[in-house]
């Protein structure tokens, strides 16, 4: 009788373990899927942000370059005027 009880208990434990393993696999698959989606969203958002920053930086650099060229031109005119005086 004791051996039969132990076998039954062992079978129940095995069944519980299989159910837990199945549940854990499903949960892991759900988490992995959710994480992949979240990562894709973050990557997309980061790419967009980087593109915006790059565009803004290019514009700022162009403005600075234009301003520097204007300053050089003004200084050159000033220097020519001083030489002609």
N, C-alpha and C. Protein backbone atom coordinates (compact mmCIF):
# COMPACT_ATOMS: atom_id res chain seq x y z
N UNK A 1 0.83 -1.20 0.00
CA UNK A 1 0.00 0.00 0.00
C UNK A 1 0.87 1.25 0.00
N UNK A 2 1.92 1.24 0.81
CA UNK A 2 2.79 2.41 0.87
C UNK A 2 3.46 2.66 -0.46
N UNK A 3 3.88 1.60 -1.14
CA UNK A 3 4.54 1.74 -2.43
C UNK A 3 3.57 2.34 -3.45
N UNK A 4 2.34 1.93 -3.42
CA UNK A 4 1.33 2.47 -4.34
C UNK A 4 1.11 3.95 -4.06
N UNK A 5 1.07 4.32 -2.77
CA UNK A 5 0.90 5.73 -2.41
C UNK A 5 2.08 6.55 -2.91
N UNK A 6 3.27 6.02 -2.71
CA UNK A 6 4.47 6.74 -3.16
C UNK A 6 4.49 6.90 -4.67
N UNK A 7 4.10 5.85 -5.39
CA UNK A 7 4.05 5.93 -6.85
C UNK A 7 3.03 6.97 -7.30
N UNK A 8 1.89 6.99 -6.63
CA UNK A 8 0.84 7.95 -6.96
C UNK A 8 1.33 9.37 -6.69
N UNK A 9 1.98 9.55 -5.54
CA UNK A 9 2.51 10.87 -5.19
C UNK A 9 3.56 11.30 -6.21
N UNK A 10 4.40 10.37 -6.61
CA UNK A 10 5.44 10.67 -7.59
C UNK A 10 4.82 11.07 -8.93
N UNK A 11 3.77 10.36 -9.33
CA UNK A 11 3.09 10.70 -10.59
C UNK A 11 2.45 12.09 -10.51
N UNK A 12 1.86 12.38 -9.35
CA UNK A 12 1.24 13.71 -9.17
C UNK A 12 2.30 14.80 -9.22
N UNK A 13 3.44 14.54 -8.59
CA UNK A 13 4.52 15.53 -8.62
C UNK A 13 5.04 15.73 -10.05
N UNK A 14 5.16 14.62 -10.78
CA UNK A 14 5.62 14.72 -12.17
C UNK A 14 4.64 15.53 -13.00
N UNK A 15 3.35 15.28 -12.79
CA UNK A 15 2.33 16.02 -13.53
C UNK A 15 2.39 17.51 -13.19
N UNK A 16 2.52 17.82 -11.90
CA UNK A 16 2.63 19.22 -11.48
C UNK A 16 3.86 19.88 -12.11
N UNK A 17 4.96 19.16 -12.12
CA UNK A 17 6.19 19.71 -12.72
C UNK A 17 6.00 19.99 -14.20
N UNK A 18 5.35 19.07 -14.90
CA UNK A 18 5.11 19.28 -16.33
C UNK A 18 4.21 20.49 -16.55
N UNK A 19 3.19 20.64 -15.71
CA UNK A 19 2.29 21.79 -15.84
C UNK A 19 3.04 23.09 -15.55
N UNK A 20 3.87 23.06 -14.50
CA UNK A 20 4.65 24.26 -14.18
C UNK A 20 5.63 24.59 -15.30
N UNK A 21 6.27 23.57 -15.84
CA UNK A 21 7.20 23.82 -16.94
C UNK A 21 6.49 24.41 -18.15
N UNK A 22 5.33 23.87 -18.45
CA UNK A 22 4.56 24.38 -19.59
C UNK A 22 4.15 25.83 -19.34
N UNK A 23 3.69 26.09 -18.12
CA UNK A 23 3.28 27.45 -17.77
C UNK A 23 4.47 28.40 -17.84
N UNK A 24 5.62 27.95 -17.35
CA UNK A 24 6.81 28.80 -17.38
C UNK A 24 7.27 29.07 -18.81
N UNK A 25 7.20 28.04 -19.66
CA UNK A 25 7.58 28.24 -21.06
C UNK A 25 6.68 29.27 -21.72
N UNK A 26 5.38 29.14 -21.47
CA UNK A 26 4.43 30.10 -22.05
C UNK A 26 4.73 31.51 -21.55
N UNK A 27 4.94 31.64 -20.25
CA UNK A 27 5.23 32.95 -19.67
C UNK A 27 6.52 33.53 -20.25
N UNK A 28 7.52 32.68 -20.40
CA UNK A 28 8.78 33.15 -20.98
C UNK A 28 8.60 33.61 -22.42
N UNK A 29 7.81 32.87 -23.18
CA UNK A 29 7.56 33.26 -24.57
C UNK A 29 6.82 34.60 -24.63
N UNK A 30 5.86 34.79 -23.73
CA UNK A 30 5.13 36.06 -23.69
C UNK A 30 6.07 37.20 -23.33
N UNK A 31 6.91 36.96 -22.33
CA UNK A 31 7.86 38.01 -21.92
C UNK A 31 8.85 38.33 -23.03
N UNK A 32 9.33 37.29 -23.69
CA UNK A 32 10.28 37.52 -24.78
C UNK A 32 9.63 38.31 -25.91
N UNK A 33 8.40 37.97 -26.23
CA UNK A 33 7.69 38.68 -27.29
C UNK A 33 7.48 40.14 -26.89
N UNK A 34 7.08 40.34 -25.65
CA UNK A 34 6.86 41.70 -25.16
C UNK A 34 8.16 42.50 -25.16
N UNK A 35 9.24 41.85 -24.74
CA UNK A 35 10.54 42.54 -24.72
C UNK A 35 11.01 42.88 -26.13
N UNK A 36 10.80 41.96 -27.07
CA UNK A 36 11.19 42.26 -28.46
C UNK A 36 10.41 43.46 -28.99
N UNK A 37 9.11 43.48 -28.72
CA UNK A 37 8.29 44.61 -29.18
C UNK A 37 8.78 45.91 -28.55
N UNK A 38 9.01 45.88 -27.24
CA UNK A 38 9.47 47.07 -26.54
C UNK A 38 10.82 47.54 -27.09
N UNK A 39 11.71 46.59 -27.34
CA UNK A 39 13.01 46.95 -27.89
C UNK A 39 12.88 47.57 -29.28
N UNK A 40 12.00 47.03 -30.08
CA UNK A 40 11.79 47.59 -31.42
C UNK A 40 11.23 49.01 -31.34
N UNK A 41 10.30 49.21 -30.40
CA UNK A 41 9.74 50.55 -30.23
C UNK A 41 10.82 51.53 -29.77
N UNK A 42 11.63 51.09 -28.81
CA UNK A 42 12.70 51.96 -28.31
C UNK A 42 13.72 52.26 -29.40
N UNK A 43 14.07 51.25 -30.18
CA UNK A 43 15.03 51.47 -31.25
C UNK A 43 14.49 52.45 -32.28
N UNK A 44 13.22 52.29 -32.61
CA UNK A 44 12.60 53.19 -33.58
C UNK A 44 12.58 54.62 -33.03
N UNK A 45 12.22 54.75 -31.77
CA UNK A 45 12.17 56.07 -31.14
C UNK A 45 13.57 56.69 -31.08
N UNK A 46 14.56 55.87 -30.76
CA UNK A 46 15.93 56.38 -30.69
C UNK A 46 16.44 56.81 -32.06
N UNK A 47 16.10 56.02 -33.09
CA UNK A 47 16.52 56.40 -34.45
C UNK A 47 15.90 57.74 -34.84
N UNK A 48 14.61 57.90 -34.53
CA UNK A 48 13.94 59.16 -34.87
C UNK A 48 14.59 60.32 -34.13
N UNK A 49 14.84 60.13 -32.83
CA UNK A 49 15.46 61.18 -32.02
C UNK A 49 16.85 61.53 -32.55
N UNK A 50 17.61 60.50 -32.92
CA UNK A 50 18.95 60.75 -33.46
C UNK A 50 18.88 61.51 -34.78
N UNK A 51 17.92 61.17 -35.61
CA UNK A 51 17.77 61.89 -36.89
C UNK A 51 17.40 63.35 -36.65
N UNK A 52 16.52 63.57 -35.67
CA UNK A 52 16.14 64.95 -35.35
C UNK A 52 17.35 65.73 -34.82
N UNK A 53 18.11 65.09 -33.93
CA UNK A 53 19.29 65.76 -33.38
C UNK A 53 20.33 66.04 -34.46
N UNK A 54 20.53 65.07 -35.35
CA UNK A 54 21.50 65.27 -36.43
C UNK A 54 21.07 66.41 -37.34
N UNK A 55 19.79 66.46 -37.64
CA UNK A 55 19.28 67.53 -38.50
C UNK A 55 19.45 68.89 -37.82
N UNK A 56 19.14 68.93 -36.53
CA UNK A 56 19.28 70.17 -35.77
C UNK A 56 20.74 70.60 -35.71
N UNK A 57 21.63 69.62 -35.49
CA UNK A 57 23.06 69.94 -35.42
C UNK A 57 23.59 70.44 -36.77
N UNK A 58 23.13 69.82 -37.86
CA UNK A 58 23.57 70.28 -39.19
C UNK A 58 23.12 71.72 -39.42
N UNK A 59 21.88 72.02 -39.05
CA UNK A 59 21.37 73.38 -39.23
C UNK A 59 22.19 74.36 -38.40
N UNK A 60 22.45 74.00 -37.14
CA UNK A 60 23.22 74.87 -36.26
C UNK A 60 24.63 75.09 -36.81
N UNK A 61 25.23 74.01 -37.31
CA UNK A 61 26.58 74.14 -37.88
C UNK A 61 26.58 75.06 -39.10
N UNK A 62 25.55 74.95 -39.93
CA UNK A 62 25.45 75.82 -41.10
C UNK A 62 25.28 77.28 -40.68
N UNK A 63 24.47 77.49 -39.65
CA UNK A 63 24.27 78.86 -39.16
C UNK A 63 25.58 79.42 -38.61
N UNK A 64 26.29 78.60 -37.85
CA UNK A 64 27.57 79.06 -37.28
C UNK A 64 28.59 79.34 -38.38
N UNK A 65 28.62 78.49 -39.38
CA UNK A 65 29.56 78.68 -40.49
C UNK A 65 29.24 79.97 -41.23
N UNK A 66 27.96 80.21 -41.47
CA UNK A 66 27.54 81.43 -42.15
C UNK A 66 27.91 82.66 -41.33
N UNK A 67 27.67 82.58 -40.03
CA UNK A 67 28.00 83.70 -39.14
C UNK A 67 29.51 83.95 -39.13
N UNK A 68 30.29 82.87 -39.09
CA UNK A 68 31.75 83.02 -39.10
C UNK A 68 32.22 83.65 -40.40
N UNK A 69 31.63 83.25 -41.52
CA UNK A 69 32.00 83.82 -42.81
C UNK A 69 31.66 85.31 -42.86
N UNK A 70 30.52 85.68 -42.31
CA UNK A 70 30.13 87.10 -42.27
C UNK A 70 31.10 87.90 -41.43
N UNK A 71 31.52 87.33 -40.30
CA UNK A 71 32.47 88.03 -39.43
C UNK A 71 33.82 88.21 -40.14
N UNK A 72 34.25 87.17 -40.85
CA UNK A 72 35.52 87.26 -41.58
C UNK A 72 35.43 88.33 -42.67
N UNK A 73 34.28 88.35 -43.36
CA UNK A 73 34.09 89.33 -44.42
C UNK A 73 34.10 90.75 -43.85
N UNK A 74 33.42 90.93 -42.73
CA UNK A 74 33.39 92.25 -42.09
C UNK A 74 34.78 92.67 -41.64
N UNK A 75 35.53 91.72 -41.08
CA UNK A 75 36.88 92.03 -40.61
C UNK A 75 37.79 92.38 -41.79
N UNK A 76 37.61 91.67 -42.91
CA UNK A 76 38.42 91.96 -44.09
C UNK A 76 38.12 93.36 -44.62
N UNK A 77 36.84 93.73 -44.64
CA UNK A 77 36.46 95.08 -45.09
C UNK A 77 37.06 96.13 -44.16
N UNK A 78 36.99 95.86 -42.88
CA UNK A 78 37.53 96.79 -41.89
C UNK A 78 39.04 96.96 -42.09
N UNK A 79 39.71 95.83 -42.32
CA UNK A 79 41.15 95.88 -42.54
C UNK A 79 41.49 96.67 -43.80
N UNK A 80 40.71 96.48 -44.87
CA UNK A 80 40.96 97.22 -46.12
C UNK A 80 40.73 98.71 -45.91
N UNK A 81 39.68 99.05 -45.16
CA UNK A 81 39.39 100.45 -44.91
C UNK A 81 40.50 101.10 -44.10
N UNK A 82 41.04 100.35 -43.13
CA UNK A 82 42.13 100.90 -42.32
C UNK A 82 43.38 101.10 -43.16
N UNK A 83 43.63 100.19 -44.11
CA UNK A 83 44.80 100.32 -44.98
C UNK A 83 44.65 101.52 -45.91
N UNK A 84 43.42 101.78 -46.37
CA UNK A 84 43.22 102.87 -47.33
C UNK A 84 43.26 104.22 -46.64
N UNK A 85 43.06 104.23 -45.31
CA UNK A 85 43.08 105.51 -44.58
C UNK A 85 44.46 105.97 -44.41
